[in-house]
Amino acid sequence: EQTEPTPQHIVKKKQKAMASQTKLKKPNSHFSLCTFLFFTVLFTIPALFLLRTSSSCSSSTGAVSSSYDTYQPPWSGDLQTAQFAWNRLAFSLTNPPPKSLKLAVFSRKWPTGPNPGGMERHAFTLYTALARRGHRVHVFTSPLDHSPETNIITPVSDQILYPIIHSHGDAEPGKWRYNKAWELYQEENKKEPFDAVHSESVALPHWIAREVPNLAVSWHGIALESLQSSIYQDLIRKPDEPRSQGFNASLYGAVIPKILDEIRFFHNYAHHIAISDSCGEMLRDVYQIPEKRVHVILNGVDEHGFTSDKKQRSLFRSKLGLSENSSAIVLGAAGRLVKDKGHPLLFEAFSKLLETHSNVYLVVAGSGPWEQRYKELGEKVSILGSLNPNELKGFYNGIDLFVNPTLRPQGLDLTLMESMLSGKPVMASRYASIKRSIVVNDEFGFMFAPNVEALTAVMEVAVAEGAERLAERGRKCKEYAAEMFTASKMALAYERLFLCINDQRFCIYP
């Protein structure tokens, strides 16, 4: 007969049982840890992907993928609903247009002089490109200046490579009379109706434009943006400097009424082309233009005229007294030397930079009132005056960094695009138009609040980086600009818009 176990036996059995349970728990604990890690990874990766996608969508909704933007799937749909710049879309330069269009253009001036304005350069670049694409382009403009130096600009008799120019009479060269231009348009329209009509800003007044359903207008600056310009220009006043006597009168007597007038009459234009993403937002949100009538197409510049060229760089820098291997940092600025282009900021900021750095130079291309002031800074500053396109190419290649301290938020300065295409990083005022459409990546350069302190600080950072790092930034600028800011891309985007205006089938992309 089996005896009952002693208390010691019971203790030993409990100890064995506990040891056994402990051994069993280890694999369970390991299994739980693996399970936890598995599900953590399983749910974390999709979460990170969603966050990345969300961030990408917020930066440029609907855009195609780009080398310097977070990836996005290719966009498709009705182009009239696209609220991003059409430059982001893929258009084929090698394929001929599906239809040859007869296009009418109203431009106050046509570039005939050696130094045309930004709007004139835009019109010439765009419509020369469209004419070479096979479209029949008719430009209605003011009388041309037929001086000998201007005859080489546009051989108007060439109807294949260049637009056909219709300059009205009864005015001095460059003096715009819309009623005379409208009469010329009507005569040509009777021969064969135009497929699309384009007005450069208010070249064609709204009371005429409202009768043209196939018309699109490009806004190179709107009054709401000019209000911001007035504010920035007043903010740079020194403490002891009196405010301009006409400031209040201009602000309340002209600028604000003009904004209100624009909001009212802009609706008379059938289609609106904004040249920056921020302008597109203003037209939709403040000017209350229906979304399907607002299209963002960024300006472009001649990609063949602005390229990287080592020989041009060496030649330009040798004229500054810099050797091939010099580590000097050369800053460059271009444009009219006037207050609203930000030259008061650049003058003072570079003056401060010279106090701490001896190996920096400033080269300014342009002419105007601030030319004499810059000469006060001595041999480290060179004023080149107005440059022709070939001279500009040498200028862009010779500098290390392009500076644009503009106090005018309206539009987009073509010099920013030219410098990027030439392989140079940019330093620009932190305006929504530039931040959202040009310096979309920190790698492309530097941005600053439009005041002397901010510009001086960011100059210090750029100079500290050195020429090699700035050149690396410039290479990335060039790659991005070649995707977005070329004349070819701009022309193809406008072509697609005019096709869409003429035939709704072409509104569907791709």
Protein backbone atom coordinates (compact mmCIF):
# COMPACT_ATOMS: atom_id res chain seq x y z
CA GLU A 1 0.00 0.00 0.00
CA GLN A 2 1.32 3.39 -1.05
CA THR A 3 2.03 5.81 1.76
CA GLU A 4 0.97 9.50 1.68
CA PRO A 5 3.73 11.85 0.56
CA THR A 6 5.54 13.75 3.26
CA PRO A 7 5.46 17.52 3.37
CA GLN A 8 9.02 17.55 2.01
CA HIS A 9 7.84 15.61 -1.07
CA ILE A 10 5.09 18.13 -1.59
CA VAL A 11 7.58 20.96 -1.40
CA LYS A 12 9.85 19.28 -3.95
CA LYS A 13 6.94 18.64 -6.33
CA LYS A 14 5.88 22.27 -6.11
CA GLN A 15 9.45 23.38 -6.76
CA LYS A 16 9.66 21.10 -9.85
CA ALA A 17 6.30 22.33 -11.08
CA MET A 18 7.34 25.94 -10.68
CA ALA A 19 10.63 25.27 -12.50
CA SER A 20 8.72 23.56 -15.29
CA GLN A 21 6.30 26.48 -15.59
CA THR A 22 9.23 28.89 -15.69
CA LYS A 23 10.79 26.98 -18.57
CA LEU A 24 7.49 27.03 -20.44
CA LYS A 25 7.02 30.79 -19.97
CA LYS A 26 10.28 31.69 -21.71
CA PRO A 27 9.16 30.53 -25.14
CA ASN A 28 5.78 32.25 -24.58
CA SER A 29 7.55 35.51 -23.65
CA HIS A 30 9.73 35.27 -26.74
CA PHE A 31 6.70 34.60 -28.89
CA SER A 32 4.92 37.63 -27.44
CA LEU A 33 7.91 39.86 -28.14
CA CYS A 34 8.13 38.67 -31.74
CA THR A 35 4.42 39.18 -32.19
CA PHE A 36 4.67 42.70 -30.79
CA LEU A 37 7.56 43.61 -33.10
CA PHE A 38 5.83 42.08 -36.11
CA PHE A 39 2.65 44.09 -35.67
CA THR A 40 4.62 47.23 -34.78
CA VAL A 41 6.51 47.06 -38.09
CA LEU A 42 3.36 46.00 -39.92
CA PHE A 43 1.45 49.09 -38.85
CA THR A 44 4.34 51.57 -38.65
CA ILE A 45 5.43 51.31 -42.28
CA PRO A 46 1.96 52.10 -43.72
CA ALA A 47 1.62 54.92 -41.20
CA LEU A 48 4.92 56.46 -42.31
CA PHE A 49 3.90 56.04 -45.94
CA LEU A 50 0.61 57.79 -45.30
CA LEU A 51 2.37 60.65 -43.50
CA ARG A 52 4.78 61.02 -46.40
CA THR A 53 1.97 60.99 -48.93
CA SER A 54 -0.01 63.52 -46.89
CA SER A 55 3.00 65.82 -46.73
CA SER A 56 3.55 65.42 -50.43
CA CYS A 57 -0.03 66.22 -51.30
CA SER A 58 0.02 69.34 -49.18
CA SER A 59 3.10 70.64 -50.96
CA SER A 60 1.96 70.31 -54.55
CA THR A 61 -1.41 68.68 -54.92
CA GLY A 62 -1.90 66.69 -58.07
CA ALA A 63 1.53 67.27 -59.51
CA VAL A 64 3.54 64.64 -61.28
CA SER A 65 6.67 63.23 -59.68
CA SER A 66 9.78 65.40 -59.77
CA SER A 67 13.41 64.86 -58.88
CA TYR A 68 13.16 67.24 -55.93
CA ASP A 69 9.57 66.80 -54.76
CA THR A 70 8.21 63.96 -52.71
CA TYR A 71 6.90 61.29 -55.07
CA GLN A 72 3.36 61.59 -56.32
CA PRO A 73 1.49 59.36 -58.72
CA PRO A 74 0.98 60.74 -62.24
CA TRP A 75 -1.96 63.11 -62.44
CA SER A 76 -4.86 62.69 -64.85
CA GLY A 77 -8.21 64.35 -65.33
CA ASP A 78 -9.76 67.62 -66.48
CA LEU A 79 -6.99 70.21 -66.75
CA GLN A 80 -9.50 72.93 -65.90
CA THR A 81 -9.67 71.55 -62.36
CA ALA A 82 -5.87 71.44 -61.85
CA GLN A 83 -4.80 73.95 -59.21
CA PHE A 84 -1.06 73.36 -59.57
CA ALA A 85 1.29 74.74 -62.21
CA TRP A 86 0.85 73.01 -65.55
CA ASN A 87 4.65 73.09 -65.92
CA ARG A 88 4.70 70.01 -63.69
CA LEU A 89 2.89 67.95 -66.31
CA ALA A 90 4.62 65.97 -69.03
CA PHE A 91 4.13 67.34 -72.54
CA SER A 92 5.92 66.04 -75.63
CA LEU A 93 8.17 68.47 -77.46
CA THR A 94 8.95 65.97 -80.21
CA ASN A 95 5.34 65.29 -81.19
CA PRO A 96 3.72 67.94 -83.41
CA PRO A 97 0.62 69.68 -82.05
CA PRO A 98 -2.59 67.75 -82.74
CA LYS A 99 -4.02 70.86 -84.38
CA SER A 100 -2.55 74.03 -85.82
CA LEU A 101 -4.17 77.02 -84.15
CA LYS A 102 -4.68 80.58 -85.27
CA LEU A 103 -3.79 82.68 -82.21
CA ALA A 104 -4.30 86.37 -81.49
CA VAL A 105 -2.07 88.12 -78.94
CA PHE A 106 -2.61 91.58 -77.46
CA SER A 107 0.61 93.00 -76.04
CA ARG A 108 1.19 96.65 -75.18
CA LYS A 109 4.75 96.42 -76.47
CA TRP A 110 6.78 94.05 -78.57
CA PRO A 111 10.48 93.82 -77.70
CA THR A 112 12.42 95.85 -80.23
CA GLY A 113 15.08 97.46 -78.05
CA PRO A 114 18.18 95.81 -76.58
CA ASN A 115 16.77 95.66 -73.03
CA PRO A 116 13.06 94.76 -73.09
CA GLY A 117 10.96 94.50 -69.94
CA GLY A 118 9.93 91.21 -68.35
CA MET A 119 6.44 91.12 -69.86
CA GLU A 120 7.80 91.85 -73.34
CA ARG A 121 10.44 89.14 -73.02
CA HIS A 122 7.76 86.71 -71.88
CA ALA A 123 5.59 87.48 -74.91
CA PHE A 124 8.48 87.25 -77.37
CA THR A 125 9.79 83.97 -75.93
CA LEU A 126 6.35 82.34 -75.72
CA TYR A 127 5.00 83.29 -79.12
CA THR A 128 8.21 82.71 -81.01
CA ALA A 129 8.18 79.17 -79.57
CA LEU A 130 4.52 78.65 -80.51
CA ALA A 131 5.12 79.94 -84.04
CA ARG A 132 7.96 77.46 -84.43
CA ARG A 133 5.56 74.75 -83.27
CA GLY A 134 3.48 75.49 -86.37
CA HIS A 135 0.81 77.77 -84.92
CA ARG A 136 -0.18 80.93 -86.79
CA VAL A 137 0.49 83.66 -84.27
CA HIS A 138 -0.71 87.24 -84.83
CA VAL A 139 0.56 89.86 -82.38
CA PHE A 140 -1.37 93.12 -82.05
CA THR A 141 0.85 95.73 -80.47
CA SER A 142 1.94 99.38 -80.40
CA PRO A 143 4.12 100.97 -83.10
CA LEU A 144 7.62 99.50 -83.23
CA ASP A 145 10.84 101.39 -82.85
CA HIS A 146 12.51 100.90 -86.22
CA SER A 147 15.98 101.96 -85.20
CA PRO A 148 18.79 99.98 -86.92
CA GLU A 149 19.70 98.01 -83.79
CA THR A 150 16.16 96.68 -83.40
CA ASN A 151 15.64 95.33 -86.90
CA ILE A 152 17.55 92.15 -86.07
CA ILE A 153 15.16 91.20 -83.27
CA THR A 154 12.11 90.06 -85.19
CA PRO A 155 11.96 89.60 -88.97
CA VAL A 156 8.19 90.08 -89.08
CA SER A 157 7.96 88.93 -92.69
CA ASP A 158 8.94 85.41 -91.64
CA GLN A 159 5.60 83.73 -91.01
CA ILE A 160 7.08 80.31 -90.27
CA LEU A 161 9.59 80.93 -87.48
CA TYR A 162 8.20 84.14 -86.02
CA PRO A 163 4.83 85.65 -85.15
CA ILE A 164 3.14 88.05 -87.55
CA ILE A 165 3.27 91.54 -86.04
CA HIS A 166 0.35 93.96 -86.46
CA SER A 167 1.42 97.30 -85.00
CA HIS A 168 -1.26 99.97 -85.04
CA GLY A 169 -0.63 103.51 -86.25
CA ASP A 170 -1.56 106.95 -84.91
CA ALA A 171 0.90 106.79 -82.01
CA GLU A 172 4.55 107.07 -81.08
CA PRO A 173 6.67 103.90 -80.82
CA GLY A 174 5.65 101.96 -77.73
CA LYS A 175 2.48 103.99 -77.16
CA TRP A 176 -0.42 101.53 -76.76
CA ARG A 177 -3.88 102.25 -78.13
CA TYR A 178 -6.14 99.27 -77.53
CA ASN A 179 -8.94 100.58 -79.75
CA LYS A 180 -6.63 100.72 -82.79
CA ALA A 181 -5.29 97.26 -82.04
CA TRP A 182 -8.86 95.96 -81.67
CA GLU A 183 -9.74 97.29 -85.12
CA LEU A 184 -6.78 95.43 -86.65
CA TYR A 185 -7.87 92.29 -84.81
CA GLN A 186 -11.42 92.50 -86.14
CA GLU A 187 -10.17 92.83 -89.70
CA GLU A 188 -7.99 89.75 -89.36
CA ASN A 189 -10.70 87.81 -87.52
CA LYS A 190 -13.11 88.33 -90.43
CA LYS A 191 -10.72 86.55 -92.78
CA GLU A 192 -10.61 83.49 -90.54
CA PRO A 193 -11.77 83.43 -86.91
CA PHE A 194 -9.08 83.04 -84.28
CA ASP A 195 -9.09 79.77 -82.31
CA ALA A 196 -7.91 81.49 -79.12
CA VAL A 197 -7.14 85.03 -78.01
CA HIS A 198 -4.55 86.01 -75.42
CA SER A 199 -4.14 89.31 -73.58
CA GLU A 200 -0.93 90.14 -71.74
CA SER A 201 -2.43 91.59 -68.53
CA VAL A 202 -4.95 94.34 -69.30
CA ALA A 203 -3.72 95.02 -72.84
CA LEU A 204 -7.31 94.29 -73.84
CA PRO A 205 -9.71 96.11 -71.47
CA HIS A 206 -12.39 94.12 -69.70
CA TRP A 207 -15.31 95.82 -71.44
CA ILE A 208 -14.01 94.44 -74.74
CA ALA A 209 -12.71 91.15 -73.32
CA ARG A 210 -16.11 90.16 -71.92
CA GLU A 211 -17.36 89.78 -75.51
CA VAL A 212 -14.61 87.27 -76.37
CA PRO A 213 -15.45 83.81 -74.98
CA ASN A 214 -12.23 82.19 -76.21
CA LEU A 215 -9.93 84.71 -74.50
CA ALA A 216 -7.31 84.04 -71.82
CA VAL A 217 -5.45 86.75 -69.90
CA SER A 218 -2.04 86.34 -68.23
CA TRP A 219 -1.59 88.29 -65.01
CA HIS A 220 2.01 89.41 -64.50
CA GLY A 221 1.03 91.24 -61.34
CA ILE A 222 -2.22 92.07 -59.62
CA ALA A 223 -3.13 94.99 -57.37
CA LEU A 224 -3.36 92.84 -54.26
CA GLU A 225 0.31 91.95 -54.70
CA SER A 226 1.22 95.61 -55.28
CA LEU A 227 -0.37 96.42 -51.92
CA GLN A 228 2.14 94.08 -50.30
CA SER A 229 4.90 95.86 -52.20
CA SER A 230 3.83 99.22 -50.74
CA ILE A 231 3.95 97.74 -47.25
CA TYR A 232 7.43 96.23 -47.68
CA GLN A 233 8.85 99.45 -49.12
CA ASP A 234 7.54 101.45 -46.17
CA LEU A 235 8.89 98.95 -43.64
CA ILE A 236 12.49 99.49 -44.73
CA ARG A 237 12.36 103.18 -43.76
CA LYS A 238 14.94 104.16 -41.19
CA PRO A 239 13.59 105.34 -37.78
CA ASP A 240 14.39 108.98 -38.55
CA GLU A 241 13.23 108.83 -42.16
CA PRO A 242 9.80 110.42 -42.74
CA ARG A 243 7.11 108.49 -44.54
CA SER A 244 6.47 109.59 -48.10
CA GLN A 245 3.88 112.35 -48.27
CA GLY A 246 1.97 110.53 -50.94
CA PHE A 247 1.99 107.15 -49.19
CA ASN A 248 -1.40 107.36 -47.50
CA ALA A 249 -2.96 109.14 -50.48
CA SER A 250 -1.64 106.48 -52.83
CA LEU A 251 -2.64 103.60 -50.56
CA TYR A 252 -6.19 104.69 -49.84
CA GLY A 253 -6.81 106.75 -52.95
CA ALA A 254 -5.40 104.40 -55.59
CA VAL A 255 -4.18 100.99 -54.47
CA ILE A 256 -7.13 99.79 -52.39
CA PRO A 257 -9.77 101.10 -54.86
CA LYS A 258 -7.81 99.39 -57.65
CA ILE A 259 -7.94 96.07 -55.79
CA LEU A 260 -11.70 96.38 -55.41
CA ASP A 261 -12.09 97.33 -59.06
CA GLU A 262 -9.99 94.35 -60.15
CA ILE A 263 -12.04 91.94 -58.06
CA ARG A 264 -15.14 93.22 -59.83
CA PHE A 265 -13.97 93.39 -63.45
CA PHE A 266 -11.67 90.35 -63.54
CA HIS A 267 -14.77 88.19 -63.96
CA ASN A 268 -15.19 89.63 -67.46
CA TYR A 269 -12.23 87.59 -68.71
CA ALA A 270 -13.14 84.04 -69.70
CA HIS A 271 -9.85 82.42 -68.64
CA HIS A 272 -7.12 83.58 -66.26
CA ILE A 273 -3.48 82.51 -66.37
CA ALA A 274 -1.58 83.05 -63.13
CA ILE A 275 2.21 83.03 -63.46
CA SER A 276 2.76 81.83 -59.88
CA ASP A 277 1.00 79.37 -57.60
CA SER A 278 0.27 82.05 -55.02
CA CYS A 279 -1.31 84.33 -57.64
CA GLY A 280 -3.56 81.44 -58.64
CA GLU A 281 -4.70 81.10 -55.05
CA MET A 282 -5.45 84.83 -54.81
CA LEU A 283 -7.50 84.76 -57.99
CA ARG A 284 -9.53 81.82 -56.71
CA ASP A 285 -9.85 82.80 -53.04
CA VAL A 286 -9.84 86.61 -52.97
CA TYR A 287 -10.85 87.63 -56.48
CA GLN A 288 -13.42 84.81 -56.41
CA ILE A 289 -12.79 83.60 -59.96
CA PRO A 290 -14.33 80.12 -60.47
CA GLU A 291 -11.67 77.43 -60.12
CA LYS A 292 -12.16 76.05 -63.64
CA ARG A 293 -11.30 79.44 -65.11
CA VAL A 294 -7.96 79.88 -63.29
CA HIS A 295 -4.87 78.14 -64.70
CA VAL A 296 -1.32 78.36 -63.31
CA ILE A 297 1.46 78.38 -65.91
CA LEU A 298 4.88 79.55 -64.76
CA ASN A 299 7.00 81.66 -67.08
CA GLY A 300 9.92 80.12 -68.89
CA VAL A 301 13.19 81.36 -70.37
CA ASP A 302 15.24 80.27 -73.36
CA GLU A 303 16.98 77.09 -72.27
CA HIS A 304 19.50 77.47 -75.10
CA GLY A 305 20.47 80.99 -74.12
CA PHE A 306 21.14 80.26 -70.44
CA THR A 307 23.48 77.34 -69.90
CA SER A 308 26.55 76.45 -67.85
CA ASP A 309 29.79 77.42 -69.60
CA LYS A 310 33.20 77.04 -67.93
CA LYS A 311 34.97 79.23 -70.49
CA GLN A 312 32.45 82.03 -69.95
CA ARG A 313 32.98 81.68 -66.20
CA SER A 314 36.77 81.93 -66.44
CA LEU A 315 36.61 84.91 -68.78
CA PHE A 316 34.14 86.80 -66.61
CA ARG A 317 36.05 86.21 -63.38
CA SER A 318 39.37 87.14 -64.98
CA LYS A 319 37.89 90.57 -65.72
CA LEU A 320 37.24 90.87 -61.99
CA GLY A 321 40.88 90.07 -61.34
CA LEU A 322 40.14 86.56 -60.02
CA SER A 323 42.29 83.60 -60.95
CA GLU A 324 41.01 80.23 -62.11
CA ASN A 325 41.46 78.66 -58.66
CA SER A 326 40.32 81.64 -56.61
CA SER A 327 38.15 80.77 -53.60
CA ALA A 328 36.43 84.17 -53.73
CA ILE A 329 32.64 84.19 -53.49
CA VAL A 330 31.02 86.37 -56.15
CA LEU A 331 27.44 87.48 -55.55
CA GLY A 332 25.41 88.76 -58.47
CA ALA A 333 22.25 90.84 -58.89
CA ALA A 334 20.45 91.92 -62.06
CA GLY A 335 17.68 94.35 -62.92
CA ARG A 336 16.86 98.03 -62.70
CA LEU A 337 18.78 99.74 -59.89
CA VAL A 338 15.75 101.21 -58.17
CA LYS A 339 14.30 101.05 -54.68
CA ASP A 340 11.48 98.57 -55.30
CA LYS A 341 14.00 96.04 -56.65
CA GLY A 342 15.49 95.93 -53.16
CA HIS A 343 18.78 97.71 -53.78
CA PRO A 344 18.65 99.63 -50.48
CA LEU A 345 18.68 96.23 -48.74
CA LEU A 346 21.47 94.81 -50.87
CA PHE A 347 23.62 97.92 -50.49
CA GLU A 348 23.49 97.89 -46.69
CA ALA A 349 23.71 94.13 -46.28
CA PHE A 350 26.78 93.85 -48.51
CA SER A 351 28.35 96.79 -46.68
CA LYS A 352 28.05 94.82 -43.44
CA LEU A 353 29.35 91.64 -45.12
CA LEU A 354 32.51 93.48 -46.20
CA GLU A 355 33.25 94.25 -42.53
CA THR A 356 33.69 90.55 -41.75
CA HIS A 357 34.77 89.05 -45.09
CA SER A 358 37.53 90.20 -47.41
CA ASN A 359 37.15 87.56 -50.12
CA VAL A 360 33.66 88.47 -51.36
CA TYR A 361 32.58 90.44 -54.41
CA LEU A 362 29.31 91.88 -55.67
CA VAL A 363 28.54 92.26 -59.39
CA VAL A 364 25.42 94.19 -60.41
CA ALA A 365 23.98 94.02 -63.93
CA GLY A 366 21.66 96.95 -64.61
CA SER A 367 21.41 100.69 -64.48
CA GLY A 368 19.50 103.21 -62.40
CA PRO A 369 19.69 105.66 -59.48
CA TRP A 370 21.50 103.25 -57.15
CA GLU A 371 24.49 102.94 -59.48
CA GLN A 372 26.35 105.81 -57.83
CA ARG A 373 25.65 104.53 -54.31
CA TYR A 374 27.17 101.13 -55.09
CA LYS A 375 30.38 102.80 -56.25
CA GLU A 376 30.83 104.07 -52.69
CA LEU A 377 31.61 100.49 -51.62
CA GLY A 378 34.87 100.43 -53.54
CA GLU A 379 36.58 97.86 -55.70
CA LYS A 380 34.68 94.88 -54.30
CA VAL A 381 31.56 96.04 -56.20
CA SER A 382 31.29 96.14 -60.00
CA ILE A 383 28.43 97.86 -61.83
CA LEU A 384 28.09 96.46 -65.36
CA GLY A 385 25.16 98.50 -66.65
CA SER A 386 22.51 96.96 -68.89
CA LEU A 387 23.67 93.75 -70.56
CA ASN A 388 22.62 92.08 -73.79
CA PRO A 389 21.67 88.36 -73.73
CA ASN A 390 25.20 87.15 -74.55
CA GLU A 391 26.72 89.35 -71.83
CA LEU A 392 24.11 88.10 -69.37
CA LYS A 393 25.23 84.54 -70.07
CA GLY A 394 28.77 85.46 -68.99
CA PHE A 395 27.42 87.24 -65.92
CA TYR A 396 25.42 84.24 -64.70
CA ASN A 397 28.30 81.85 -65.30
CA GLY A 398 30.80 84.07 -63.50
CA ILE A 399 28.93 84.43 -60.21
CA ASP A 400 28.60 81.88 -57.41
CA LEU A 401 25.21 82.97 -56.09
CA PHE A 402 22.39 85.08 -57.52
CA VAL A 403 20.75 87.56 -55.13
CA ASN A 404 17.26 88.97 -55.69
CA PRO A 405 16.24 91.24 -52.79
CA THR A 406 13.10 92.53 -54.52
CA LEU A 407 10.44 94.40 -52.56
CA ARG A 408 7.84 93.56 -55.22
CA PRO A 409 5.97 90.30 -54.54
CA GLN A 410 3.99 90.55 -57.78
CA GLY A 411 4.84 88.17 -60.58
CA LEU A 412 7.99 86.07 -60.82
CA ASP A 413 11.27 87.64 -61.81
CA LEU A 414 12.72 85.94 -64.89
CA THR A 415 16.24 86.50 -63.55
CA LEU A 416 15.65 83.83 -60.91
CA MET A 417 14.88 81.28 -63.63
CA GLU A 418 17.78 82.42 -65.82
CA SER A 419 20.27 82.03 -62.99
CA MET A 420 18.98 78.57 -62.05
CA LEU A 421 19.15 77.40 -65.67
CA SER A 422 22.73 78.69 -65.70
CA GLY A 423 23.47 76.43 -62.75
CA LYS A 424 23.45 78.97 -59.93
CA PRO A 425 21.69 78.82 -56.56
CA VAL A 426 19.51 81.77 -55.63
CA MET A 427 18.99 84.01 -52.63
CA ALA A 428 15.56 85.64 -52.69
CA SER A 429 12.99 87.51 -50.61
CA ARG A 430 10.66 85.15 -48.80
CA TYR A 431 7.44 85.81 -50.70
CA ALA A 432 4.77 83.20 -51.30
CA SER A 433 5.19 83.49 -55.07
CA ILE A 434 8.92 82.70 -54.95
CA LYS A 435 8.73 80.15 -52.13
CA ARG A 436 5.98 78.09 -53.73
CA SER A 437 7.04 78.31 -57.37
CA ILE A 438 10.83 78.82 -57.47
CA VAL A 439 12.71 77.90 -54.28
CA VAL A 440 10.53 74.87 -53.62
CA ASN A 441 13.42 73.02 -51.99
CA ASP A 442 15.92 74.34 -49.43
CA GLU A 443 18.67 72.86 -51.58
CA PHE A 444 18.03 75.45 -54.29
CA GLY A 445 19.25 78.37 -52.24
CA PHE A 446 18.34 80.75 -49.45
CA MET A 447 15.32 82.86 -48.53
CA PHE A 448 15.11 85.84 -46.22
CA ALA A 449 12.63 88.34 -44.85
CA PRO A 450 12.93 91.57 -46.87
CA ASN A 451 15.03 93.53 -44.38
CA VAL A 452 18.73 94.29 -43.97
CA GLU A 453 19.29 92.12 -40.89
CA ALA A 454 17.78 89.00 -42.46
CA LEU A 455 19.65 89.46 -45.74
CA THR A 456 22.97 90.04 -43.95
CA ALA A 457 22.50 86.91 -41.83
CA VAL A 458 21.72 84.66 -44.78
CA MET A 459 24.66 86.10 -46.75
CA GLU A 460 26.93 85.09 -43.87
CA VAL A 461 25.59 81.54 -44.07
CA ALA A 462 26.08 81.33 -47.82
CA VAL A 463 29.63 82.67 -47.76
CA ALA A 464 30.52 80.24 -44.97
CA GLU A 465 29.40 77.33 -47.15
CA GLY A 466 32.06 78.11 -49.73
CA ALA A 467 32.20 77.95 -53.52
CA GLU A 468 32.17 74.16 -53.79
CA ARG A 469 28.98 73.73 -51.79
CA LEU A 470 27.30 76.59 -53.68
CA ALA A 471 28.25 74.91 -56.97
CA GLU A 472 26.62 71.70 -55.77
CA ARG A 473 23.43 73.61 -55.02
CA GLY A 474 23.68 75.20 -58.47
CA ARG A 475 23.80 71.83 -60.23
CA LYS A 476 20.58 70.80 -58.53
CA CYS A 477 18.99 74.14 -59.42
CA LYS A 478 19.85 73.55 -63.06
CA GLU A 479 18.27 70.08 -63.07
CA TYR A 480 15.05 71.38 -61.58
CA ALA A 481 14.90 74.49 -63.78
CA ALA A 482 15.35 72.32 -66.87
CA GLU A 483 12.14 70.49 -65.87
CA MET A 484 10.08 73.54 -64.98
CA PHE A 485 11.29 76.90 -66.31
CA THR A 486 12.18 76.40 -69.95
CA ALA A 487 10.58 78.24 -72.84
CA SER A 488 9.68 74.86 -74.32
CA LYS A 489 7.75 73.74 -71.24
CA MET A 490 5.96 77.09 -70.98
CA ALA A 491 5.01 77.02 -74.67
CA LEU A 492 3.68 73.46 -74.46
CA ALA A 493 1.56 74.33 -71.42
CA TYR A 494 0.09 77.39 -73.17
CA GLU A 495 -0.46 75.34 -76.31
CA ARG A 496 -2.47 72.79 -74.34
CA LEU A 497 -4.55 75.55 -72.74
CA PHE A 498 -5.36 77.12 -76.10
CA LEU A 499 -6.25 73.69 -77.49
CA CYS A 500 -8.52 73.17 -74.47
CA ILE A 501 -10.19 76.56 -75.01
CA ASN A 502 -10.76 75.70 -78.66
CA ASP A 503 -11.93 72.10 -78.11
CA GLN A 504 -13.01 70.55 -74.81
CA ARG A 505 -11.50 67.20 -75.83
CA PHE A 506 -8.04 68.60 -75.17
CA CYS A 507 -8.97 69.55 -71.61
CA ILE A 508 -8.61 65.89 -70.57
CA TYR A 509 -5.06 64.94 -69.58
CA PRO A 510 -3.14 62.98 -70.64
